[in-house]
Protein backbone atom coordinates (compact mmCIF):
# COMPACT_ATOMS: atom_id res chain seq x y z
CA UNK A 1 -19.46 23.74 69.43
CA UNK A 2 -20.34 20.81 67.31
CA UNK A 3 -23.47 18.93 67.72
CA UNK A 4 -23.29 15.18 67.73
CA UNK A 5 -26.29 13.53 66.24
CA UNK A 6 -27.19 10.36 68.07
CA UNK A 7 -29.18 7.91 65.90
CA UNK A 8 -29.22 5.13 68.40
CA UNK A 9 -27.33 1.86 68.29
CA UNK A 10 -25.79 0.95 64.95
CA UNK A 11 -27.95 -1.52 63.05
CA UNK A 12 -26.40 -4.23 60.91
CA UNK A 13 -27.75 -4.62 57.38
CA UNK A 14 -30.22 -7.48 56.91
CA UNK A 15 -29.01 -10.52 55.06
CA UNK A 16 -30.94 -11.28 51.90
CA UNK A 17 -33.02 -14.42 51.94
CA UNK A 18 -32.34 -16.97 49.20
CA UNK A 19 -35.79 -18.53 49.47
CA UNK A 20 -37.47 -16.40 46.74
CA UNK A 21 -34.61 -17.09 44.32
CA UNK A 22 -34.84 -20.86 44.97
CA UNK A 23 -38.61 -20.69 44.40
CA UNK A 24 -38.08 -18.97 41.05
CA UNK A 25 -35.50 -21.57 39.98
CA UNK A 26 -37.87 -24.42 40.81
CA UNK A 27 -40.73 -22.72 38.97
CA UNK A 28 -38.55 -22.32 35.87
CA UNK A 29 -37.46 -25.95 36.13
CA UNK A 30 -41.08 -27.14 36.28
CA UNK A 31 -42.05 -24.87 33.38
CA UNK A 32 -39.32 -26.16 31.09
CA UNK A 33 -40.00 -29.78 32.03
CA UNK A 34 -43.68 -29.39 31.17
CA UNK A 35 -43.05 -27.37 28.01
CA UNK A 36 -40.57 -29.80 26.46
CA UNK A 37 -41.50 -32.94 24.56
CA UNK A 38 -39.81 -36.23 25.30
CA UNK A 39 -39.90 -39.44 23.29
CA UNK A 40 -41.30 -38.13 20.01
CA UNK A 41 -39.13 -40.45 17.90
CA UNK A 42 -40.79 -42.15 14.95
CA UNK A 43 -40.07 -45.73 14.03
CA UNK A 44 -39.65 -46.62 10.38
CA UNK A 45 -40.70 -50.20 9.72
CA UNK A 46 -38.11 -51.66 7.34
CA UNK A 47 -38.35 -55.38 6.76
CA UNK A 48 -35.19 -57.21 5.86
CA UNK A 49 -36.77 -59.95 3.79
CA UNK A 50 -36.18 -63.07 5.88
CA UNK A 51 -34.40 -61.22 8.68
CA UNK A 52 -30.83 -62.10 7.81
CA UNK A 53 -31.32 -65.63 6.53
CA UNK A 54 -30.36 -66.32 2.93
CA UNK A 55 -33.22 -66.65 0.47
CA UNK A 56 -33.73 -66.93 -3.27
CA UNK A 57 -34.59 -63.80 -5.20
CA UNK A 58 -37.78 -64.19 -7.21
CA UNK A 59 -38.79 -62.07 -10.16
CA UNK A 60 -37.09 -59.18 -11.93
CA UNK A 61 -34.82 -56.73 -10.09
CA UNK A 62 -36.53 -54.04 -8.04
CA UNK A 63 -33.86 -51.49 -7.14
CA UNK A 64 -35.07 -47.99 -6.31
CA UNK A 65 -32.37 -45.31 -6.25
CA UNK A 66 -33.37 -42.20 -4.32
CA UNK A 67 -31.49 -39.07 -5.41
CA UNK A 68 -32.07 -35.49 -4.22
CA UNK A 69 -34.23 -34.62 -7.24
CA UNK A 70 -35.17 -37.91 -8.95
CA UNK A 71 -36.30 -41.45 -8.29
CA UNK A 72 -34.83 -44.25 -10.40
CA UNK A 73 -36.33 -47.72 -10.75
CA UNK A 74 -33.68 -50.12 -12.04
CA UNK A 75 -31.76 -47.14 -13.41
CA UNK A 76 -34.70 -45.57 -15.26
CA UNK A 77 -36.24 -42.29 -14.01
CA UNK A 78 -39.74 -42.65 -12.62
CA UNK A 79 -42.00 -39.99 -11.13
CA UNK A 80 -42.32 -40.55 -7.40
CA UNK A 81 -46.12 -40.55 -7.64
CA UNK A 82 -46.00 -43.37 -10.24
CA UNK A 83 -43.39 -45.42 -8.40
CA UNK A 84 -45.72 -47.82 -6.58
CA UNK A 85 -47.53 -48.73 -9.82
CA UNK A 86 -44.24 -49.29 -11.63
CA UNK A 87 -42.92 -51.49 -8.80
CA UNK A 88 -46.18 -53.45 -8.59
CA UNK A 89 -45.67 -54.60 -12.18
CA UNK A 90 -42.30 -56.09 -11.21
CA UNK A 91 -43.38 -57.91 -8.05
CA UNK A 92 -44.06 -61.65 -8.23
CA UNK A 93 -47.57 -62.85 -7.25
CA UNK A 94 -46.39 -64.09 -3.84
CA UNK A 95 -44.88 -60.69 -3.09
CA UNK A 96 -41.27 -59.73 -2.87
CA UNK A 97 -38.82 -57.22 -1.54
CA UNK A 98 -37.96 -53.83 -2.98
CA UNK A 99 -34.42 -52.58 -2.43
CA UNK A 100 -34.03 -48.89 -1.60
CA UNK A 101 -30.66 -47.23 -2.11
CA UNK A 102 -30.22 -43.56 -1.16
CA UNK A 103 -27.68 -41.84 -3.38
CA UNK A 104 -25.25 -39.01 -2.63
CA UNK A 105 -27.03 -35.88 -1.42
CA UNK A 106 -30.43 -37.48 -0.75
CA UNK A 107 -31.65 -36.52 2.69
CA UNK A 108 -33.58 -38.75 5.06
CA UNK A 109 -36.87 -36.94 4.49
CA UNK A 110 -36.68 -37.66 0.76
CA UNK A 111 -36.07 -41.35 1.51
CA UNK A 112 -39.00 -41.45 3.95
CA UNK A 113 -41.26 -39.82 1.34
CA UNK A 114 -40.38 -42.53 -1.21
CA UNK A 115 -40.95 -45.21 1.44
CA UNK A 116 -44.38 -43.73 2.22
CA UNK A 117 -45.33 -43.78 -1.48
CA UNK A 118 -44.31 -47.43 -1.75
CA UNK A 119 -46.09 -48.39 1.46
CA UNK A 120 -49.26 -46.60 0.30
CA UNK A 121 -49.07 -48.66 -2.92
CA UNK A 122 -49.06 -51.91 -0.96
CA UNK A 123 -45.33 -52.65 -0.86
CA UNK A 124 -44.48 -53.69 2.68
CA UNK A 125 -41.16 -55.52 2.27
CA UNK A 126 -38.51 -52.81 1.93
CA UNK A 127 -34.77 -53.42 2.20
CA UNK A 128 -32.58 -50.40 2.79
CA UNK A 129 -28.99 -50.66 1.60
CA UNK A 130 -26.07 -48.26 1.73
C-alpha cells in the first residue's frame, strides 16, 4: 500500500515584480546625472587684430614659436618667464599684435601656458596661426 500525500491544490509560482528593478535604474540615472559635470568648457580669448580686415603692421616682428620644450621669440630662444618683458620691448606705443605659432609636438596646454604668461604681462592682442 502506498500512501499518497495530498498537499492541497497546486500553486503556481509568483511572478516577479519589475517595480524594484525600475526604481533602482531610476536611482542610478539620477545619481549619474547629479555626479557628472556639464558645460565646463573654457574659452580662450584670442583677438584677431582687426577681426579679419586688412591692417598695416606697425613695429618690429613679434613672432612667438611655441615648441614642446622651448619658446622662441623671432627665432631666438627666450625663457617663458621672461617672454612678456621681451615682447613688451618690441611693441609699439599704441600697442600691437603678437603672433603665436605652435610648432610640431607642442600640446595645447603648453600653448595656453605661453598665452597666460603674455596676458599676465599686459599683451592682450594675440593672433594664433597654424
